[in-house]
Amino acid sequence: MTDLSTFIAGLPKVELHVHHVGSASPRIVAELAARHEGRSPVPADPAALVDYFEFRDFAHFIEVYLSVVDLIRDQEDVWILTHEVARELARQQVRYAELTITPYSHVRRGIPAPAFCEAIEDARKRAEADFGIDLRWCFDIPGEAGLASAEETLRIALEERPDGLVSFGLGGPEIGVPRPQFKPYFDQARAAGLRSVPHAGETTGPQTIWDALRELGAERIGHGIAAADDPELMAYLAERRIALEVCPTSNVRTRAVATLDEHPLPRLVEAGLLVTINSDDPPMFGTTLDDEYAVAARLLGVGPEGVAALARAAVDASFLDAAGKQRIAAEIDAYVATAGR
């Protein structure tokens, strides 16, 4: 039997909660910062980014995140970022990823919506040819920017409707940004066939998750770790197989959870919830999807079979079609059979 880290490294995976700009490698961030030196607080030295990505709290994380968003100035920047994110995911044996993208943040900085969507779509097709990875998009509302951002995000989603777009989300801070106000926008997105995947229960309590379910029609919950504090909510999620997109290291780095040992992942799994493991903003948090699987394995006390079960859960919770799910699940099964010899 191969050791667990080697097993994880070779395991075919699906990634459901990973942010576009938040996945920019230190090399790419430093290169972009150098291009815009003097106009950005972001360091142009990859080594200095380690300290720059040390977050005091969630609000500070959002501040730093938006400073990196400011480095994406044109269509070429968008294409390079998207292609490089795909390269890194494919290196970790990710076969399919739903990338959370915030078009509003780029359009308001001067990149026209058609050009933005053209760049991500061209990079998606090139990534499939170059790396064998299948990318899809979740267009999310930056909650801190208010209802104007929701209106614009919906407009871009429905008018541009890039081929890779599968879902509609809501990100940014939860505190002071009530979920119910976004109901009309989610209603329209869902009516147009997009799936609902808002963030909820990351830095606030279970009520935010209830609001996401009841008001926004959530089919998966971004983070959702506060569900562990509400047995009724956990039972509801488990019964309906509404998946949580759990990102352990992210929760510690943004101070949503004090330490990894205090993370509620084990309680969520013990309650029978459909839990998926994800990396969120990996370079900013000093992690990778492989690392997150290793963290989950330690917290849950599982070996290769348990890790493979987490990978299958992500396939199950994805918005892939039945044939796509079957293909990746079969690849996981074949890998487990081979690695176990």
C-alpha atoms as a PDB file:
ATOM      1  CA  MET A   1       0.000   0.000   0.000  1.00  0.00           C
ATOM      2  CA  THR A   2       1.329   3.462  -0.910  1.00  0.00           C
ATOM      3  CA  ASP A   3       1.647   6.006   1.898  1.00  0.00           C
ATOM      4  CA  LEU A   4      -1.255   8.417   2.333  1.00  0.00           C
ATOM      5  CA  SER A   5       0.397  11.542   0.895  1.00  0.00           C
ATOM      6  CA  THR A   6       1.418   9.621  -2.229  1.00  0.00           C
ATOM      7  CA  PHE A   7      -2.089   8.168  -2.477  1.00  0.00           C
ATOM      8  CA  ILE A   8      -3.660  11.629  -2.239  1.00  0.00           C
ATOM      9  CA  ALA A   9      -1.264  13.071  -4.816  1.00  0.00           C
ATOM     10  CA  GLY A  10      -2.316  10.502  -7.417  1.00  0.00           C
ATOM     11  CA  LEU A  11      -6.034  10.396  -6.569  1.00  0.00           C
ATOM     12  CA  PRO A  12      -8.364  11.736  -9.303  1.00  0.00           C
ATOM     13  CA  LYS A  13     -10.297  14.639  -7.783  1.00  0.00           C
ATOM     14  CA  VAL A  14     -13.043  17.190  -8.260  1.00  0.00           C
ATOM     15  CA  GLU A  15     -12.752  20.738  -6.835  1.00  0.00           C
ATOM     16  CA  LEU A  16     -16.012  22.578  -6.120  1.00  0.00           C
ATOM     17  CA  HIS A  17     -14.990  25.615  -4.073  1.00  0.00           C
ATOM     18  CA  VAL A  18     -11.992  27.440  -5.460  1.00  0.00           C
ATOM     19  CA  HIS A  19     -11.841  31.123  -6.353  1.00  0.00           C
ATOM     20  CA  HIS A  20     -10.461  32.428  -9.639  1.00  0.00           C
ATOM     21  CA  VAL A  21      -8.307  35.327  -8.428  1.00  0.00           C
ATOM     22  CA  GLY A  22      -7.675  33.601  -5.089  1.00  0.00           C
ATOM     23  CA  SER A  23      -5.949  30.771  -6.979  1.00  0.00           C
ATOM     24  CA  ALA A  24      -3.313  33.010  -8.538  1.00  0.00           C
ATOM     25  CA  SER A  25       0.097  31.525  -7.715  1.00  0.00           C
ATOM     26  CA  PRO A  26       2.726  33.715  -5.995  1.00  0.00           C
ATOM     27  CA  ARG A  27       4.645  33.728  -9.276  1.00  0.00           C
ATOM     28  CA  ILE A  28       1.668  35.090 -11.226  1.00  0.00           C
ATOM     29  CA  VAL A  29       0.726  37.597  -8.499  1.00  0.00           C
ATOM     30  CA  ALA A  30       4.316  38.852  -8.343  1.00  0.00           C
ATOM     31  CA  GLU A  31       4.506  39.181 -12.125  1.00  0.00           C
ATOM     32  CA  LEU A  32       1.253  41.148 -12.214  1.00  0.00           C
ATOM     33  CA  ALA A  33       2.416  43.321  -9.303  1.00  0.00           C
ATOM     34  CA  ALA A  34       5.654  44.064 -11.156  1.00  0.00           C
ATOM     35  CA  ARG A  35       3.669  45.110 -14.234  1.00  0.00           C
ATOM     36  CA  HIS A  36       1.705  47.557 -12.087  1.00  0.00           C
ATOM     37  CA  GLU A  37       4.480  48.554  -9.682  1.00  0.00           C
ATOM     38  CA  GLY A  38       3.842  51.831  -7.919  1.00  0.00           C
ATOM     39  CA  ARG A  39       0.089  51.503  -8.420  1.00  0.00           C
ATOM     40  CA  SER A  40      -0.519  48.599  -6.062  1.00  0.00           C
ATOM     41  CA  PRO A  41       0.365  47.648  -2.467  1.00  0.00           C
ATOM     42  CA  VAL A  42       0.899  44.034  -3.540  1.00  0.00           C
ATOM     43  CA  PRO A  43       4.602  43.022  -3.322  1.00  0.00           C
ATOM     44  CA  ALA A  44       6.365  42.138  -6.568  1.00  0.00           C
ATOM     45  CA  ASP A  45       8.553  39.642  -4.675  1.00  0.00           C
ATOM     46  CA  PRO A  46       7.022  36.137  -4.305  1.00  0.00           C
ATOM     47  CA  ALA A  47       8.800  35.672  -0.952  1.00  0.00           C
ATOM     48  CA  ALA A  48       7.233  38.860   0.427  1.00  0.00           C
ATOM     49  CA  LEU A  49       3.760  37.580  -0.462  1.00  0.00           C
ATOM     50  CA  VAL A  50       3.942  35.093   2.419  1.00  0.00           C
ATOM     51  CA  ASP A  51       3.752  37.964   4.917  1.00  0.00           C
ATOM     52  CA  TYR A  52       1.316  39.926   2.751  1.00  0.00           C
ATOM     53  CA  PHE A  53      -1.061  36.937   2.842  1.00  0.00           C
ATOM     54  CA  GLU A  54      -1.073  36.827   6.665  1.00  0.00           C
ATOM     55  CA  PHE A  55      -4.629  37.832   7.567  1.00  0.00           C
ATOM     56  CA  ARG A  56      -5.697  39.513  10.807  1.00  0.00           C
ATOM     57  CA  ASP A  57      -9.361  38.564  10.300  1.00  0.00           C
ATOM     58  CA  PHE A  58     -11.909  38.020   7.551  1.00  0.00           C
ATOM     59  CA  ALA A  59     -12.278  41.736   6.797  1.00  0.00           C
ATOM     60  CA  HIS A  60      -8.515  42.029   6.301  1.00  0.00           C
ATOM     61  CA  PHE A  61      -8.595  38.984   4.024  1.00  0.00           C
ATOM     62  CA  ILE A  62     -11.224  40.694   1.831  1.00  0.00           C
ATOM     63  CA  GLU A  63      -9.059  43.845   1.716  1.00  0.00           C
ATOM     64  CA  VAL A  64      -6.002  41.887   0.585  1.00  0.00           C
ATOM     65  CA  TYR A  65      -8.034  39.799  -1.855  1.00  0.00           C
ATOM     66  CA  LEU A  66      -9.389  42.928  -3.559  1.00  0.00           C
ATOM     67  CA  SER A  67      -5.865  44.343  -3.857  1.00  0.00           C
ATOM     68  CA  VAL A  68      -4.968  41.250  -5.915  1.00  0.00           C
ATOM     69  CA  VAL A  69      -8.157  41.674  -7.966  1.00  0.00           C
ATOM     70  CA  ASP A  70      -6.863  45.166  -8.810  1.00  0.00           C
ATOM     71  CA  LEU A  71      -3.878  43.559 -10.577  1.00  0.00           C
ATOM     72  CA  ILE A  72      -6.137  41.983 -13.226  1.00  0.00           C
ATOM     73  CA  ARG A  73      -6.308  44.899 -15.651  1.00  0.00           C
ATOM     74  CA  ASP A  74      -6.987  43.489 -19.126  1.00  0.00           C
ATOM     75  CA  GLN A  75      -8.191  40.515 -21.156  1.00  0.00           C
ATOM     76  CA  GLU A  76      -4.696  39.007 -21.362  1.00  0.00           C
ATOM     77  CA  ASP A  77      -4.356  39.074 -17.562  1.00  0.00           C
ATOM     78  CA  VAL A  78      -7.658  37.199 -17.284  1.00  0.00           C
ATOM     79  CA  TRP A  79      -6.576  34.548 -19.801  1.00  0.00           C
ATOM     80  CA  ILE A  80      -3.179  33.972 -18.165  1.00  0.00           C
ATOM     81  CA  LEU A  81      -4.701  33.717 -14.691  1.00  0.00           C
ATOM     82  CA  THR A  82      -7.371  31.224 -15.820  1.00  0.00           C
ATOM     83  CA  HIS A  83      -4.939  29.029 -17.743  1.00  0.00           C
ATOM     84  CA  GLU A  84      -2.442  28.998 -14.853  1.00  0.00           C
ATOM     85  CA  VAL A  85      -5.135  28.070 -12.331  1.00  0.00           C
ATOM     86  CA  ALA A  86      -6.095  25.142 -14.562  1.00  0.00           C
ATOM     87  CA  ARG A  87      -2.441  24.077 -14.802  1.00  0.00           C
ATOM     88  CA  GLU A  88      -2.093  23.947 -11.009  1.00  0.00           C
ATOM     89  CA  LEU A  89      -5.363  22.065 -10.511  1.00  0.00           C
ATOM     90  CA  ALA A  90      -4.472  19.522 -13.192  1.00  0.00           C
ATOM     91  CA  ARG A  91      -1.081  18.984 -11.536  1.00  0.00           C
ATOM     92  CA  GLN A  92      -3.034  17.740  -8.514  1.00  0.00           C
ATOM     93  CA  GLN A  93      -5.021  15.287 -10.635  1.00  0.00           C
ATOM     94  CA  VAL A  94      -8.157  17.452 -10.625  1.00  0.00           C
ATOM     95  CA  ARG A  95     -10.317  16.218 -13.483  1.00  0.00           C
ATOM     96  CA  TYR A  96     -13.171  18.705 -13.073  1.00  0.00           C
ATOM     97  CA  ALA A  97     -13.430  22.038 -11.247  1.00  0.00           C
ATOM     98  CA  GLU A  98     -16.168  24.586 -10.717  1.00  0.00           C
ATOM     99  CA  LEU A  99     -14.273  27.853 -10.425  1.00  0.00           C
ATOM    100  CA  THR A 100     -15.936  30.720  -8.551  1.00  0.00           C
ATOM    101  CA  ILE A 101     -15.545  33.874 -10.617  1.00  0.00           C
ATOM    102  CA  THR A 102     -16.622  37.424  -9.740  1.00  0.00           C
ATOM    103  CA  PRO A 103     -17.092  39.174 -13.098  1.00  0.00           C
ATOM    104  CA  TYR A 104     -18.414  42.345 -11.458  1.00  0.00           C
ATOM    105  CA  SER A 105     -15.036  43.023  -9.858  1.00  0.00           C
ATOM    106  CA  HIS A 106     -13.293  42.973 -13.237  1.00  0.00           C
ATOM    107  CA  VAL A 107     -15.957  44.741 -15.289  1.00  0.00           C
ATOM    108  CA  ARG A 108     -16.077  47.682 -12.870  1.00  0.00           C
ATOM    109  CA  ARG A 109     -12.286  47.928 -13.231  1.00  0.00           C
ATOM    110  CA  GLY A 110     -12.626  48.455 -16.971  1.00  0.00           C
ATOM    111  CA  ILE A 111     -12.636  45.022 -18.645  1.00  0.00           C
ATOM    112  CA  PRO A 112     -15.767  44.793 -20.832  1.00  0.00           C
ATOM    113  CA  ALA A 113     -18.016  41.863 -19.933  1.00  0.00           C
ATOM    114  CA  PRO A 114     -17.849  40.291 -23.434  1.00  0.00           C
ATOM    115  CA  ALA A 115     -14.035  40.465 -23.401  1.00  0.00           C
ATOM    116  CA  PHE A 116     -13.880  39.004 -19.905  1.00  0.00           C
ATOM    117  CA  CYS A 117     -16.132  36.082 -20.823  1.00  0.00           C
ATOM    118  CA  GLU A 118     -14.253  35.513 -24.069  1.00  0.00           C
ATOM    119  CA  ALA A 119     -10.967  35.296 -22.136  1.00  0.00           C
ATOM    120  CA  ILE A 120     -12.169  32.748 -19.568  1.00  0.00           C
ATOM    121  CA  GLU A 121     -13.856  30.628 -22.238  1.00  0.00           C
ATOM    122  CA  ASP A 122     -10.810  30.595 -24.500  1.00  0.00           C
ATOM    123  CA  ALA A 123      -8.594  29.692 -21.522  1.00  0.00           C
ATOM    124  CA  ARG A 124     -11.050  26.952 -20.489  1.00  0.00           C
ATOM    125  CA  LYS A 125     -10.904  25.331 -23.927  1.00  0.00           C
ATOM    126  CA  ARG A 126      -7.122  25.644 -24.093  1.00  0.00           C
ATOM    127  CA  ALA A 127      -6.784  24.156 -20.590  1.00  0.00           C
ATOM    128  CA  GLU A 128      -8.835  21.134 -21.579  1.00  0.00           C
ATOM    129  CA  ALA A 129      -6.569  20.578 -24.596  1.00  0.00           C
ATOM    130  CA  ASP A 130      -3.351  21.274 -22.674  1.00  0.00           C
ATOM    131  CA  PHE A 131      -4.057  19.627 -19.317  1.00  0.00           C
ATOM    132  CA  GLY A 132      -7.110  17.390 -19.739  1.00  0.00           C
ATOM    133  CA  ILE A 133      -9.100  19.304 -17.115  1.00  0.00           C
ATOM    134  CA  ASP A 134     -12.763  20.260 -17.446  1.00  0.00           C
ATOM    135  CA  LEU A 135     -13.494  23.729 -16.006  1.00  0.00           C
ATOM    136  CA  ARG A 136     -16.900  25.214 -15.260  1.00  0.00           C
ATOM    137  CA  TRP A 137     -17.884  28.598 -13.812  1.00  0.00           C
ATOM    138  CA  CYS A 138     -19.883  29.854 -10.858  1.00  0.00           C
ATOM    139  CA  PHE A 139     -20.518  33.598 -11.292  1.00  0.00           C
ATOM    140  CA  ASP A 140     -20.817  35.036  -7.809  1.00  0.00           C
ATOM    141  CA  ILE A 141     -22.085  38.288  -6.355  1.00  0.00           C
ATOM    142  CA  PRO A 142     -19.532  40.152  -4.195  1.00  0.00           C
ATOM    143  CA  GLY A 143     -21.894  40.723  -1.281  1.00  0.00           C
ATOM    144  CA  GLU A 144     -19.951  43.660   0.119  1.00  0.00           C
ATOM    145  CA  ALA A 145     -20.664  45.628  -3.088  1.00  0.00           C
ATOM    146  CA  GLY A 146     -24.419  45.581  -2.520  1.00  0.00           C
ATOM    147  CA  LEU A 147     -27.430  45.073  -4.757  1.00  0.00           C
ATOM    148  CA  ALA A 148     -25.897  46.967  -7.690  1.00  0.00           C
ATOM    149  CA  SER A 149     -23.296  44.209  -7.933  1.00  0.00           C
ATOM    150  CA  ALA A 150     -26.035  41.572  -7.819  1.00  0.00           C
ATOM    151  CA  GLU A 151     -27.871  43.279 -10.669  1.00  0.00           C
ATOM    152  CA  GLU A 152     -24.715  43.494 -12.784  1.00  0.00           C
ATOM    153  CA  THR A 153     -23.604  39.932 -12.017  1.00  0.00           C
ATOM    154  CA  LEU A 154     -27.017  38.613 -13.064  1.00  0.00           C
ATOM    155  CA  ARG A 155     -26.959  40.730 -16.232  1.00  0.00           C
ATOM    156  CA  ILE A 156     -23.541  39.422 -17.250  1.00  0.00           C
ATOM    157  CA  ALA A 157     -24.552  35.847 -16.469  1.00  0.00           C
ATOM    158  CA  LEU A 158     -27.751  35.988 -18.508  1.00  0.00           C
ATOM    159  CA  GLU A 159     -26.621  38.204 -21.390  1.00  0.00           C
ATOM    160  CA  GLU A 160     -23.163  36.723 -21.938  1.00  0.00           C
ATOM    161  CA  ARG A 161     -23.995  33.182 -20.730  1.00  0.00           C
ATOM    162  CA  PRO A 162     -20.569  31.634 -21.443  1.00  0.00           C
ATOM    163  CA  ASP A 163     -20.692  27.932 -22.262  1.00  0.00           C
ATOM    164  CA  GLY A 164     -18.892  26.985 -19.037  1.00  0.00           C
ATOM    165  CA  LEU A 165     -21.336  28.779 -16.723  1.00  0.00           C
ATOM    166  CA  VAL A 166     -23.275  26.352 -14.501  1.00  0.00           C
ATOM    167  CA  SER A 167     -24.103  28.190 -11.282  1.00  0.00           C
ATOM    168  CA  PHE A 168     -24.791  31.446  -9.466  1.00  0.00           C
ATOM    169  CA  GLY A 169     -23.215  32.298  -6.120  1.00  0.00           C
ATOM    170  CA  LEU A 170     -22.753  34.853  -3.389  1.00  0.00           C
ATOM    171  CA  GLY A 171     -19.405  35.546  -1.750  1.00  0.00           C
ATOM    172  CA  GLY A 172     -17.649  38.150   0.350  1.00  0.00           C
ATOM    173  CA  PRO A 173     -18.340  38.900   4.014  1.00  0.00           C
ATOM    174  CA  GLU A 174     -21.467  37.498   5.652  1.00  0.00           C
ATOM    175  CA  ILE A 175     -21.554  39.869   8.620  1.00  0.00           C
ATOM    176  CA  GLY A 176     -23.733  42.844   7.683  1.00  0.00           C
ATOM    177  CA  VAL A 177     -24.714  41.273   4.349  1.00  0.00           C
ATOM    178  CA  PRO A 178     -28.061  39.464   4.881  1.00  0.00           C
ATOM    179  CA  ARG A 179     -28.766  36.661   2.403  1.00  0.00           C
ATOM    180  CA  PRO A 180     -32.526  37.353   1.868  1.00  0.00           C
ATOM    181  CA  GLN A 181     -31.935  40.646   0.019  1.00  0.00           C
ATOM    182  CA  PHE A 182     -30.443  38.676  -2.889  1.00  0.00           C
ATOM    183  CA  LYS A 183     -33.508  36.484  -3.403  1.00  0.00           C
ATOM    184  CA  PRO A 184     -34.805  38.222  -6.583  1.00  0.00           C
ATOM    185  CA  TYR A 185     -31.458  37.740  -8.307  1.00  0.00           C
ATOM    186  CA  PHE A 186     -31.188  34.084  -7.373  1.00  0.00           C
ATOM    187  CA  ASP A 187     -34.791  33.530  -8.456  1.00  0.00           C
ATOM    188  CA  GLN A 188     -33.995  34.869 -11.926  1.00  0.00           C
ATOM    189  CA  ALA A 189     -30.732  32.947 -12.190  1.00  0.00           C
ATOM    190  CA  ARG A 190     -32.424  29.696 -11.163  1.00  0.00           C
ATOM    191  CA  ALA A 191     -35.269  30.320 -13.602  1.00  0.00           C
ATOM    192  CA  ALA A 192     -32.624  30.580 -16.336  1.00  0.00           C
ATOM    193  CA  GLY A 193     -31.236  27.170 -15.379  1.00  0.00           C
ATOM    194  CA  LEU A 194     -28.300  28.171 -13.187  1.00  0.00           C
ATOM    195  CA  ARG A 195     -27.697  26.264  -9.943  1.00  0.00           C
ATOM    196  CA  SER A 196     -27.645  28.065  -6.591  1.00  0.00           C
ATOM    197  CA  VAL A 197     -24.397  27.896  -4.564  1.00  0.00           C
ATOM    198  CA  PRO A 198     -24.139  30.799  -2.072  1.00  0.00           C
ATOM    199  CA  HIS A 199     -21.546  31.078   0.671  1.00  0.00           C
ATOM    200  CA  ALA A 200     -23.191  30.806   4.101  1.00  0.00           C
ATOM    201  CA  GLY A 201     -22.288  29.824   7.631  1.00  0.00           C
ATOM    202  CA  GLU A 202     -18.598  30.597   7.255  1.00  0.00           C
ATOM    203  CA  THR A 203     -18.226  33.499   9.692  1.00  0.00           C
ATOM    204  CA  THR A 204     -21.825  33.698  10.922  1.00  0.00           C
ATOM    205  CA  GLY A 205     -24.199  31.231  12.556  1.00  0.00           C
ATOM    206  CA  PRO A 206     -26.679  28.630  11.303  1.00  0.00           C
ATOM    207  CA  GLN A 207     -29.363  31.235  10.492  1.00  0.00           C
ATOM    208  CA  THR A 208     -27.322  32.406   7.490  1.00  0.00           C
ATOM    209  CA  ILE A 209     -27.453  28.851   6.127  1.00  0.00           C
ATOM    210  CA  TRP A 210     -31.200  28.616   6.729  1.00  0.00           C
ATOM    211  CA  ASP A 211     -31.593  31.913   4.826  1.00  0.00           C
ATOM    212  CA  ALA A 212     -29.496  30.583   1.936  1.00  0.00           C
ATOM    213  CA  LEU A 213     -31.681  27.486   1.762  1.00  0.00           C
ATOM    214  CA  ARG A 214     -35.080  29.138   2.177  1.00  0.00           C
ATOM    215  CA  GLU A 215     -34.516  32.423   0.370  1.00  0.00           C
ATOM    216  CA  LEU A 216     -31.871  31.599  -2.243  1.00  0.00           C
ATOM    217  CA  GLY A 217     -32.778  27.977  -3.007  1.00  0.00           C
ATOM    218  CA  ALA A 218     -29.238  26.813  -2.235  1.00  0.00           C
ATOM    219  CA  GLU A 219     -28.366  23.431  -3.760  1.00  0.00           C
ATOM    220  CA  ARG A 220     -24.897  23.434  -2.183  1.00  0.00           C
ATOM    221  CA  ILE A 221     -23.508  25.629   0.567  1.00  0.00           C
ATOM    222  CA  GLY A 222     -20.154  27.364   0.320  1.00  0.00           C
ATOM    223  CA  HIS A 223     -18.410  26.508   3.621  1.00  0.00           C
ATOM    224  CA  GLY A 224     -21.500  25.934   5.804  1.00  0.00           C
ATOM    225  CA  ILE A 225     -19.467  24.933   8.859  1.00  0.00           C
ATOM    226  CA  ALA A 226     -21.857  26.714  11.253  1.00  0.00           C
ATOM    227  CA  ALA A 227     -24.345  23.918  10.530  1.00  0.00           C
ATOM    228  CA  ALA A 228     -22.484  21.943  13.197  1.00  0.00           C
ATOM    229  CA  ASP A 229     -24.091  24.205  15.812  1.00  0.00           C
ATOM    230  CA  ASP A 230     -27.671  23.311  14.782  1.00  0.00           C
ATOM    231  CA  PRO A 231     -28.738  19.643  14.932  1.00  0.00           C
ATOM    232  CA  GLU A 232     -32.011  20.399  13.121  1.00  0.00           C
ATOM    233  CA  LEU A 233     -30.110  22.045  10.277  1.00  0.00           C
ATOM    234  CA  MET A 234     -27.657  19.155  10.026  1.00  0.00           C
ATOM    235  CA  ALA A 235     -30.560  16.712   9.817  1.00  0.00           C
ATOM    236  CA  TYR A 236     -32.182  18.851   7.101  1.00  0.00           C
ATOM    237  CA  LEU A 237     -28.994  19.001   5.041  1.00  0.00           C
ATOM    238  CA  ALA A 238     -28.286  15.296   5.473  1.00  0.00           C
ATOM    239  CA  GLU A 239     -31.792  14.219   4.510  1.00  0.00           C
ATOM    240  CA  ARG A 240     -31.804  16.320   1.347  1.00  0.00           C
ATOM    241  CA  ARG A 241     -28.168  15.575   0.442  1.00  0.00           C
ATOM    242  CA  ILE A 242     -27.359  19.290   0.204  1.00  0.00           C
ATOM    243  CA  ALA A 243     -23.578  19.313   0.136  1.00  0.00           C
ATOM    244  CA  LEU A 244     -21.227  21.523   2.104  1.00  0.00           C
ATOM    245  CA  GLU A 245     -18.091  22.837   0.385  1.00  0.00           C
ATOM    246  CA  VAL A 246     -15.692  22.641   3.338  1.00  0.00           C
ATOM    247  CA  CYS A 247     -12.289  24.380   3.219  1.00  0.00           C
ATOM    248  CA  PRO A 248     -10.507  23.644   6.539  1.00  0.00           C
ATOM    249  CA  THR A 249      -7.276  25.646   6.191  1.00  0.00           C
ATOM    250  CA  SER A 250      -9.164  28.649   4.825  1.00  0.00           C
ATOM    251  CA  ASN A 251     -11.361  28.713   7.929  1.00  0.00           C
ATOM    252  CA  VAL A 252      -8.296  28.870  10.170  1.00  0.00           C
ATOM    253  CA  ARG A 253      -6.408  31.408   8.063  1.00  0.00           C
ATOM    254  CA  THR A 254      -9.389  33.828   8.013  1.00  0.00           C
ATOM    255  CA  ARG A 255      -9.895  33.234  11.772  1.00  0.00           C
ATOM    256  CA  ALA A 256     -13.378  31.762  11.266  1.00  0.00           C
ATOM    257  CA  VAL A 257     -12.088  28.765  13.279  1.00  0.00           C
ATOM    258  CA  ALA A 258      -9.391  29.112  15.932  1.00  0.00           C
ATOM    259  CA  THR A 259      -7.372  25.987  15.091  1.00  0.00           C
ATOM    260  CA  LEU A 260      -7.593  22.993  12.785  1.00  0.00           C
ATOM    261  CA  ASP A 261      -8.102  20.712  15.786  1.00  0.00           C
ATOM    262  CA  GLU A 262     -11.260  22.682  16.616  1.00  0.00           C
ATOM    263  CA  HIS A 263     -12.652  22.467  13.087  1.00  0.00           C
ATOM    264  CA  PRO A 264     -16.216  21.067  12.967  1.00  0.00           C
ATOM    265  CA  LEU A 265     -15.537  18.785   9.980  1.00  0.00           C
ATOM    266  CA  PRO A 266     -15.704  15.577  12.080  1.00  0.00           C
ATOM    267  CA  ARG A 267     -19.076  16.576  13.565  1.00  0.00           C
ATOM    268  CA  LEU A 268     -20.488  17.286  10.112  1.00  0.00           C
ATOM    269  CA  VAL A 269     -19.338  13.935   8.761  1.00  0.00           C
ATOM    270  CA  GLU A 270     -20.569  12.058  11.841  1.00  0.00           C
ATOM    271  CA  ALA A 271     -23.997  13.641  11.320  1.00  0.00           C
ATOM    272  CA  GLY A 272     -24.177  12.066   7.860  1.00  0.00           C
ATOM    273  CA  LEU A 273     -23.848  15.231   5.778  1.00  0.00           C
ATOM    274  CA  LEU A 274     -22.584  15.182   2.207  1.00  0.00           C
ATOM    275  CA  VAL A 275     -19.244  16.923   2.766  1.00  0.00           C
ATOM    276  CA  THR A 276     -16.747  17.869   0.068  1.00  0.00           C
ATOM    277  CA  ILE A 277     -13.146  19.000   0.605  1.00  0.00           C
ATOM    278  CA  ASN A 278     -11.905  22.111  -1.180  1.00  0.00           C
ATOM    279  CA  SER A 279      -9.075  24.655  -1.175  1.00  0.00           C
ATOM    280  CA  ASP A 280     -10.888  28.047  -1.503  1.00  0.00           C
ATOM    281  CA  ASP A 281      -7.972  30.470  -2.167  1.00  0.00           C
ATOM    282  CA  PRO A 282      -5.032  28.067  -1.979  1.00  0.00           C
ATOM    283  CA  PRO A 283      -1.920  30.223  -2.565  1.00  0.00           C
ATOM    284  CA  MET A 284      -3.287  32.952  -0.281  1.00  0.00           C
ATOM    285  CA  PHE A 285      -3.793  30.375   2.469  1.00  0.00           C
ATOM    286  CA  GLY A 286      -0.537  28.502   1.857  1.00  0.00           C
ATOM    287  CA  THR A 287      -2.320  25.296   0.915  1.00  0.00           C
ATOM    288  CA  THR A 288      -3.311  23.046  -2.003  1.00  0.00           C
ATOM    289  CA  LEU A 289      -6.204  20.693  -2.598  1.00  0.00           C
ATOM    290  CA  ASP A 290      -3.828  17.799  -1.851  1.00  0.00           C
ATOM    291  CA  ASP A 291      -2.994  19.447   1.484  1.00  0.00           C
ATOM    292  CA  GLU A 292      -6.686  19.852   2.303  1.00  0.00           C
ATOM    293  CA  TYR A 293      -7.317  16.153   1.722  1.00  0.00           C
ATOM    294  CA  ALA A 294      -4.429  15.374   4.069  1.00  0.00           C
ATOM    295  CA  VAL A 295      -5.873  17.719   6.698  1.00  0.00           C
ATOM    296  CA  ALA A 296      -9.306  16.116   6.330  1.00  0.00           C
ATOM    297  CA  ALA A 297      -7.812  12.627   6.622  1.00  0.00           C
ATOM    298  CA  ARG A 298      -6.118  13.605   9.896  1.00  0.00           C
ATOM    299  CA  LEU A 299      -9.210  15.289  11.351  1.00  0.00           C
ATOM    300  CA  LEU A 300     -11.423  12.341  10.406  1.00  0.00           C
ATOM    301  CA  GLY A 301      -8.894   9.646  11.275  1.00  0.00           C
ATOM    302  CA  VAL A 302      -9.240   7.938   7.897  1.00  0.00           C
ATOM    303  CA  GLY A 303      -6.862   6.262   5.462  1.00  0.00           C
ATOM    304  CA  PRO A 304      -6.939   5.798   1.683  1.00  0.00           C
ATOM    305  CA  GLU A 305     -10.487   4.362   1.560  1.00  0.00           C
ATOM    306  CA  GLY A 306     -11.843   7.270   3.584  1.00  0.00           C
ATOM    307  CA  VAL A 307      -9.992   9.791   1.440  1.00  0.00           C
ATOM    308  CA  ALA A 308     -11.366   8.139  -1.709  1.00  0.00           C
ATOM    309  CA  ALA A 309     -14.864   8.408  -0.215  1.00  0.00           C
ATOM    310  CA  LEU A 310     -14.358  12.171   0.124  1.00  0.00           C
ATOM    311  CA  ALA A 311     -13.296  12.339  -3.523  1.00  0.00           C
ATOM    312  CA  ARG A 312     -16.418  10.409  -4.549  1.00  0.00           C
ATOM    313  CA  ALA A 313     -18.572  12.793  -2.482  1.00  0.00           C
ATOM    314  CA  ALA A 314     -17.244  15.727  -4.492  1.00  0.00           C
ATOM    315  CA  VAL A 315     -18.113  13.953  -7.738  1.00  0.00           C
ATOM    316  CA  ASP A 316     -21.607  13.267  -6.398  1.00  0.00           C
ATOM    317  CA  ALA A 317     -22.121  16.893  -5.339  1.00  0.00           C
ATOM    318  CA  SER A 318     -20.820  18.379  -8.597  1.00  0.00           C
ATOM    319  CA  PHE A 319     -22.972  19.746 -11.394  1.00  0.00           C
ATOM    320  CA  LEU A 320     -21.472  17.328 -13.888  1.00  0.00           C
ATOM    321  CA  ASP A 321     -23.885  15.318 -15.997  1.00  0.00           C
ATOM    322  CA  ALA A 322     -24.458  11.655 -15.158  1.00  0.00           C
ATOM    323  CA  ALA A 323     -21.976  10.401 -17.734  1.00  0.00           C
ATOM    324  CA  GLY A 324     -19.271  12.758 -16.459  1.00  0.00           C
ATOM    325  CA  LYS A 325     -19.850  11.686 -12.865  1.00  0.00           C
ATOM    326  CA  GLN A 326     -19.730   8.028 -13.832  1.00  0.00           C
ATOM    327  CA  ARG A 327     -16.479   8.524 -15.739  1.00  0.00           C
ATOM    328  CA  ILE A 328     -14.617  10.193 -12.858  1.00  0.00           C
ATOM    329  CA  ALA A 329     -16.076   7.844 -10.229  1.00  0.00           C
ATOM    330  CA  ALA A 330     -14.859   4.881 -12.289  1.00  0.00           C
ATOM    331  CA  GLU A 331     -11.422   6.459 -12.521  1.00  0.00           C
ATOM    332  CA  ILE A 332     -11.328   6.867  -8.728  1.00  0.00           C
ATOM    333  CA  ASP A 333     -12.356   3.228  -8.248  1.00  0.00           C
ATOM    334  CA  ALA A 334      -9.688   2.025 -10.673  1.00  0.00           C
ATOM    335  CA  TYR A 335      -7.047   4.135  -8.936  1.00  0.00           C
ATOM    336  CA  VAL A 336      -7.992   2.781  -5.499  1.00  0.00           C
ATOM    337  CA  ALA A 337      -7.831  -0.794  -6.771  1.00  0.00           C
ATOM    338  CA  THR A 338      -4.390  -0.224  -8.277  1.00  0.00           C
ATOM    339  CA  ALA A 339      -2.929   1.817  -5.393  1.00  0.00           C
ATOM    340  CA  GLY A 340      -4.041  -0.771  -2.884  1.00  0.00           C
ATOM    341  CA  ARG A 341      -1.887  -3.520  -4.360  1.00  0.00           C
END
